[in-house]
């Protein structure tokens, strides 16, 4: 009969349990820290507002709708829930993204992530 090569079963099970316990504790700390909001929620909100305003601006041949967005419609859209789930993460960032998109400024998140 051949001998088993490797760590004893007791040591293996103890190490496996320790790894699972550490992973569970790390996950619990992340959930406690961020709750239901992802750590990059501000970026998500900003890009959501930016993209919505860019779509509205591109679909507006007269530019009237873009001027309305800059005059305060971005904030009213967020208040009425038109920002969707992305605006929930950071409403102020959603409005800032909407204003940047309506003004045809480049996204602040453009370029290399740093």
N, C-alpha and C. Protein backbone atom coordinates (compact mmCIF):
# COMPACT_ATOMS: atom_id res chain seq x y z
N UNK A 1 0.84 -1.16 0.00
CA UNK A 1 0.00 0.00 0.00
C UNK A 1 0.90 1.24 0.00
N UNK A 2 0.53 2.24 -0.81
CA UNK A 2 1.30 3.48 -0.91
C UNK A 2 0.88 4.45 0.19
N UNK A 3 1.86 5.21 0.67
CA UNK A 3 1.56 6.23 1.68
C UNK A 3 1.01 7.48 1.01
N UNK A 4 0.18 8.18 1.70
CA UNK A 4 -0.37 9.45 1.23
C UNK A 4 0.74 10.50 1.25
N UNK A 5 0.89 11.24 0.13
CA UNK A 5 1.89 12.29 0.06
C UNK A 5 1.16 13.62 0.16
N UNK A 6 1.60 14.46 1.05
CA UNK A 6 0.97 15.76 1.24
C UNK A 6 0.74 16.02 2.70
N UNK A 7 0.08 17.14 3.00
CA UNK A 7 -0.14 17.47 4.41
C UNK A 7 -1.16 16.51 5.04
N UNK A 8 -1.04 16.32 6.33
CA UNK A 8 -2.02 15.47 7.00
C UNK A 8 -3.43 16.06 6.86
N UNK A 9 -4.42 15.20 6.86
CA UNK A 9 -5.80 15.66 6.67
C UNK A 9 -6.20 16.70 7.71
N UNK A 10 -5.80 16.52 8.93
CA UNK A 10 -6.16 17.46 10.00
C UNK A 10 -5.62 18.85 9.72
N UNK A 11 -4.38 18.93 9.28
CA UNK A 11 -3.78 20.23 8.96
C UNK A 11 -4.47 20.86 7.75
N UNK A 12 -4.75 20.04 6.75
CA UNK A 12 -5.41 20.53 5.54
C UNK A 12 -6.78 21.11 5.87
N UNK A 13 -7.56 20.40 6.67
CA UNK A 13 -8.91 20.87 7.02
C UNK A 13 -8.82 22.13 7.87
N UNK A 14 -7.85 22.20 8.78
CA UNK A 14 -7.69 23.39 9.62
C UNK A 14 -7.31 24.61 8.76
N UNK A 15 -6.41 24.43 7.81
CA UNK A 15 -6.02 25.54 6.92
C UNK A 15 -7.19 25.97 6.04
N UNK A 16 -7.94 25.02 5.54
CA UNK A 16 -9.10 25.33 4.71
C UNK A 16 -10.14 26.11 5.51
N UNK A 17 -10.41 25.69 6.73
CA UNK A 17 -11.37 26.40 7.58
C UNK A 17 -10.88 27.81 7.90
N UNK A 18 -9.60 27.96 8.15
CA UNK A 18 -9.04 29.29 8.43
C UNK A 18 -9.18 30.20 7.22
N UNK A 19 -8.92 29.67 6.02
CA UNK A 19 -9.05 30.47 4.80
C UNK A 19 -10.50 30.90 4.58
N UNK A 20 -11.44 30.00 4.80
CA UNK A 20 -12.86 30.33 4.64
C UNK A 20 -13.26 31.38 5.67
N UNK A 21 -12.79 31.25 6.88
CA UNK A 21 -13.11 32.21 7.94
C UNK A 21 -12.55 33.60 7.61
N UNK A 22 -11.34 33.67 7.13
CA UNK A 22 -10.73 34.95 6.75
C UNK A 22 -11.48 35.58 5.58
N UNK A 23 -11.86 34.77 4.59
CA UNK A 23 -12.62 35.28 3.45
C UNK A 23 -13.98 35.80 3.86
N UNK A 24 -14.64 35.09 4.77
CA UNK A 24 -15.95 35.53 5.25
C UNK A 24 -15.82 36.83 6.04
N UNK A 25 -14.79 36.93 6.87
CA UNK A 25 -14.58 38.16 7.65
C UNK A 25 -14.29 39.34 6.73
N UNK A 26 -13.47 39.14 5.70
CA UNK A 26 -13.17 40.22 4.75
C UNK A 26 -14.42 40.67 4.01
N UNK A 27 -15.24 39.73 3.60
CA UNK A 27 -16.49 40.07 2.92
C UNK A 27 -17.41 40.83 3.86
N UNK A 28 -17.49 40.40 5.10
CA UNK A 28 -18.32 41.10 6.08
C UNK A 28 -17.85 42.53 6.31
N UNK A 29 -16.54 42.74 6.35
CA UNK A 29 -16.02 44.10 6.51
C UNK A 29 -16.34 44.98 5.31
N UNK A 30 -16.24 44.43 4.10
CA UNK A 30 -16.59 45.21 2.90
C UNK A 30 -18.06 45.58 2.89
N UNK A 31 -18.92 44.64 3.28
CA UNK A 31 -20.35 44.92 3.31
C UNK A 31 -20.65 45.98 4.38
N UNK A 32 -20.00 45.85 5.54
CA UNK A 32 -20.22 46.84 6.60
C UNK A 32 -19.73 48.22 6.17
N UNK A 33 -18.66 48.28 5.42
CA UNK A 33 -18.08 49.57 5.00
C UNK A 33 -18.93 50.25 3.93
N UNK A 34 -19.35 49.50 2.93
CA UNK A 34 -20.03 50.11 1.78
C UNK A 34 -21.52 49.85 1.75
N UNK A 35 -22.04 48.96 2.60
CA UNK A 35 -23.44 48.60 2.66
C UNK A 35 -23.91 48.20 1.26
N UNK A 36 -24.92 48.86 0.72
CA UNK A 36 -25.42 48.49 -0.61
C UNK A 36 -24.85 49.37 -1.70
N UNK A 37 -24.00 50.31 -1.34
CA UNK A 37 -23.43 51.22 -2.32
C UNK A 37 -22.06 50.70 -2.75
N UNK A 38 -21.84 50.54 -4.05
CA UNK A 38 -20.51 50.08 -4.48
C UNK A 38 -19.46 51.15 -4.22
N UNK A 39 -18.20 50.75 -4.03
CA UNK A 39 -17.16 51.74 -3.74
C UNK A 39 -16.98 52.77 -4.84
N UNK A 40 -17.33 52.45 -6.06
CA UNK A 40 -17.17 53.37 -7.19
C UNK A 40 -18.53 53.98 -7.57
N UNK A 41 -19.44 54.10 -6.62
CA UNK A 41 -20.79 54.62 -6.88
C UNK A 41 -20.81 56.03 -7.41
N UNK A 42 -19.88 56.86 -6.98
CA UNK A 42 -19.83 58.24 -7.47
C UNK A 42 -19.53 58.26 -8.97
N UNK A 43 -18.61 57.41 -9.41
CA UNK A 43 -18.30 57.34 -10.84
C UNK A 43 -19.48 56.82 -11.64
N UNK A 44 -20.18 55.84 -11.08
CA UNK A 44 -21.36 55.29 -11.76
C UNK A 44 -22.42 56.38 -11.92
N UNK A 45 -22.67 57.13 -10.86
CA UNK A 45 -23.68 58.19 -10.91
C UNK A 45 -23.30 59.27 -11.92
N UNK A 46 -22.03 59.70 -11.89
CA UNK A 46 -21.58 60.74 -12.80
C UNK A 46 -21.74 60.30 -14.26
N UNK A 47 -21.27 59.10 -14.57
CA UNK A 47 -21.36 58.62 -15.95
C UNK A 47 -22.81 58.43 -16.39
N UNK A 48 -23.68 58.01 -15.46
CA UNK A 48 -25.10 57.87 -15.81
C UNK A 48 -25.71 59.19 -16.22
N UNK A 49 -25.44 60.25 -15.45
CA UNK A 49 -25.95 61.57 -15.80
C UNK A 49 -25.33 62.10 -17.07
N UNK A 50 -24.04 61.87 -17.23
CA UNK A 50 -23.33 62.34 -18.42
C UNK A 50 -23.90 61.70 -19.69
N UNK A 51 -24.07 60.39 -19.65
CA UNK A 51 -24.58 59.69 -20.84
C UNK A 51 -26.01 60.09 -21.16
N UNK A 52 -26.83 60.26 -20.14
CA UNK A 52 -28.21 60.66 -20.41
C UNK A 52 -28.25 62.03 -21.07
N UNK A 53 -27.45 62.96 -20.59
CA UNK A 53 -27.45 64.30 -21.17
C UNK A 53 -26.88 64.30 -22.59
N UNK A 54 -25.85 63.49 -22.84
CA UNK A 54 -25.28 63.41 -24.19
C UNK A 54 -26.31 62.85 -25.16
N UNK A 55 -27.05 61.84 -24.73
CA UNK A 55 -28.09 61.27 -25.61
C UNK A 55 -29.17 62.31 -25.91
N UNK A 56 -29.57 63.05 -24.89
CA UNK A 56 -30.59 64.08 -25.10
C UNK A 56 -30.05 65.17 -26.03
N UNK A 57 -28.82 65.60 -25.81
CA UNK A 57 -28.23 66.65 -26.64
C UNK A 57 -28.09 66.20 -28.09
N UNK A 58 -27.69 64.96 -28.31
CA UNK A 58 -27.52 64.47 -29.69
C UNK A 58 -28.85 64.29 -30.40
N UNK A 59 -29.91 64.02 -29.65
CA UNK A 59 -31.22 63.84 -30.27
C UNK A 59 -31.95 65.17 -30.45
N UNK A 60 -31.35 66.26 -30.04
CA UNK A 60 -31.99 67.58 -30.08
C UNK A 60 -31.36 68.42 -31.18
N UNK A 61 -31.99 68.51 -32.36
CA UNK A 61 -31.38 69.26 -33.47
C UNK A 61 -31.36 70.77 -33.25
N UNK A 62 -32.28 71.31 -32.46
CA UNK A 62 -32.35 72.76 -32.27
C UNK A 62 -31.48 73.26 -31.12
N UNK A 63 -31.13 72.39 -30.19
CA UNK A 63 -30.34 72.80 -29.04
C UNK A 63 -31.17 73.34 -27.90
N UNK A 64 -32.49 73.37 -28.09
CA UNK A 64 -33.39 73.89 -27.06
C UNK A 64 -33.39 73.02 -25.81
N UNK A 65 -33.37 71.74 -26.02
CA UNK A 65 -33.40 70.81 -24.88
C UNK A 65 -32.09 70.87 -24.08
N UNK A 66 -30.96 71.04 -24.77
CA UNK A 66 -29.67 71.16 -24.09
C UNK A 66 -29.63 72.43 -23.23
N UNK A 67 -30.18 73.51 -23.75
CA UNK A 67 -30.24 74.74 -22.96
C UNK A 67 -31.13 74.56 -21.73
N UNK A 68 -32.21 73.80 -21.89
CA UNK A 68 -33.10 73.53 -20.75
C UNK A 68 -32.38 72.69 -19.69
N UNK A 69 -31.58 71.73 -20.14
CA UNK A 69 -30.81 70.92 -19.19
C UNK A 69 -29.87 71.80 -18.38
N UNK A 70 -29.20 72.72 -19.04
CA UNK A 70 -28.27 73.61 -18.36
C UNK A 70 -28.99 74.60 -17.44
N UNK A 71 -30.24 74.90 -17.76
CA UNK A 71 -31.01 75.87 -16.97
C UNK A 71 -31.64 75.25 -15.73
N UNK A 72 -31.43 73.97 -15.51
CA UNK A 72 -31.95 73.37 -14.28
C UNK A 72 -32.75 72.10 -14.47
N UNK A 73 -32.92 71.68 -15.71
CA UNK A 73 -33.70 70.48 -15.94
C UNK A 73 -32.98 69.21 -15.45
N UNK A 74 -31.65 69.24 -15.38
CA UNK A 74 -30.91 68.08 -14.86
C UNK A 74 -31.33 67.80 -13.42
N UNK A 75 -31.38 68.84 -12.62
CA UNK A 75 -31.77 68.66 -11.20
C UNK A 75 -33.22 68.23 -11.09
N UNK A 76 -34.08 68.78 -11.92
CA UNK A 76 -35.49 68.38 -11.84
C UNK A 76 -35.69 66.95 -12.35
N UNK A 77 -34.89 66.53 -13.32
CA UNK A 77 -34.96 65.14 -13.79
C UNK A 77 -34.57 64.18 -12.67
N UNK A 78 -33.53 64.53 -11.92
CA UNK A 78 -33.11 63.67 -10.83
C UNK A 78 -34.17 63.62 -9.74
N UNK A 79 -34.79 64.76 -9.44
CA UNK A 79 -35.83 64.80 -8.40
C UNK A 79 -37.04 63.96 -8.78
N UNK A 80 -37.37 63.93 -10.05
CA UNK A 80 -38.55 63.18 -10.48
C UNK A 80 -38.25 61.71 -10.73
N UNK A 81 -36.99 61.31 -10.55
CA UNK A 81 -36.65 59.89 -10.70
C UNK A 81 -36.19 59.48 -12.07
N UNK A 82 -35.98 60.43 -12.96
CA UNK A 82 -35.56 60.07 -14.31
C UNK A 82 -34.08 59.68 -14.37
N UNK A 83 -33.36 59.87 -13.27
CA UNK A 83 -31.96 59.46 -13.21
C UNK A 83 -31.79 57.96 -13.09
N UNK A 84 -32.82 57.30 -12.66
CA UNK A 84 -32.77 55.85 -12.54
C UNK A 84 -31.94 55.39 -11.35
N UNK A 85 -31.53 54.15 -11.40
CA UNK A 85 -30.77 53.55 -10.31
C UNK A 85 -29.39 54.12 -10.14
N UNK A 86 -28.85 54.68 -11.18
CA UNK A 86 -27.49 55.24 -11.09
C UNK A 86 -27.47 56.52 -10.27
N UNK A 87 -28.51 57.31 -10.35
CA UNK A 87 -28.54 58.57 -9.62
C UNK A 87 -28.65 58.34 -8.11
N UNK A 88 -29.10 57.17 -7.72
CA UNK A 88 -29.28 56.87 -6.30
C UNK A 88 -27.93 56.84 -5.58
N UNK A 89 -26.88 56.39 -6.25
CA UNK A 89 -25.57 56.25 -5.62
C UNK A 89 -25.02 57.59 -5.14
N UNK A 90 -25.14 58.62 -5.96
CA UNK A 90 -24.65 59.95 -5.59
C UNK A 90 -25.40 60.98 -6.45
N UNK A 91 -26.53 61.50 -5.94
CA UNK A 91 -27.36 62.40 -6.75
C UNK A 91 -26.61 63.64 -7.24
N UNK A 92 -25.74 64.21 -6.42
CA UNK A 92 -25.00 65.41 -6.84
C UNK A 92 -24.06 65.10 -8.00
N UNK A 93 -23.43 63.94 -7.97
CA UNK A 93 -22.53 63.54 -9.07
C UNK A 93 -23.34 63.30 -10.34
N UNK A 94 -24.55 62.75 -10.20
CA UNK A 94 -25.40 62.52 -11.38
C UNK A 94 -25.72 63.86 -12.04
N UNK A 95 -26.09 64.85 -11.23
CA UNK A 95 -26.42 66.17 -11.78
C UNK A 95 -25.18 66.80 -12.41
N UNK A 96 -24.02 66.66 -11.78
CA UNK A 96 -22.78 67.21 -12.34
C UNK A 96 -22.46 66.56 -13.69
N UNK A 97 -22.66 65.27 -13.79
CA UNK A 97 -22.44 64.58 -15.06
C UNK A 97 -23.43 65.02 -16.12
N UNK A 98 -24.66 65.21 -15.71
CA UNK A 98 -25.69 65.68 -16.64
C UNK A 98 -25.34 67.07 -17.17
N UNK A 99 -24.90 67.95 -16.29
CA UNK A 99 -24.52 69.31 -16.72
C UNK A 99 -23.31 69.29 -17.65
N UNK A 100 -22.33 68.43 -17.35
CA UNK A 100 -21.16 68.32 -18.23
C UNK A 100 -21.55 67.79 -19.60
N UNK A 101 -22.42 66.80 -19.64
CA UNK A 101 -22.87 66.25 -20.91
C UNK A 101 -23.69 67.25 -21.72
N UNK A 102 -24.54 67.99 -21.03
CA UNK A 102 -25.37 68.99 -21.72
C UNK A 102 -24.52 70.13 -22.26
N UNK A 103 -23.43 70.47 -21.57
CA UNK A 103 -22.55 71.56 -22.00
C UNK A 103 -21.51 71.08 -23.01
N UNK A 104 -21.55 69.82 -23.37
CA UNK A 104 -20.63 69.22 -24.34
C UNK A 104 -19.18 69.26 -23.86
N UNK A 105 -19.01 69.18 -22.54
CA UNK A 105 -17.66 69.08 -21.98
C UNK A 105 -17.27 67.62 -21.94
N UNK A 106 -15.97 67.32 -21.97
CA UNK A 106 -15.56 65.92 -21.88
C UNK A 106 -15.83 65.38 -20.48
N UNK A 107 -16.07 64.09 -20.42
CA UNK A 107 -16.33 63.44 -19.14
C UNK A 107 -15.09 63.55 -18.25
N UNK A 108 -15.30 63.78 -16.97
CA UNK A 108 -14.16 63.88 -16.06
C UNK A 108 -13.49 62.54 -15.85
N UNK A 109 -14.15 61.45 -16.24
CA UNK A 109 -13.59 60.11 -16.09
C UNK A 109 -12.93 59.62 -17.37
N UNK A 110 -12.82 60.47 -18.36
CA UNK A 110 -12.22 60.07 -19.62
C UNK A 110 -10.72 59.92 -19.49
N UNK A 111 -10.15 59.04 -20.25
CA UNK A 111 -8.71 58.86 -20.23
C UNK A 111 -8.31 57.66 -19.40
N UNK A 112 -7.07 57.61 -19.03
CA UNK A 112 -6.57 56.49 -18.27
C UNK A 112 -7.05 56.55 -16.84
N UNK A 113 -7.39 55.40 -16.31
CA UNK A 113 -7.81 55.33 -14.92
C UNK A 113 -6.56 55.40 -14.07
N UNK A 114 -6.55 56.29 -13.11
CA UNK A 114 -5.34 56.46 -12.33
C UNK A 114 -5.51 56.46 -10.88
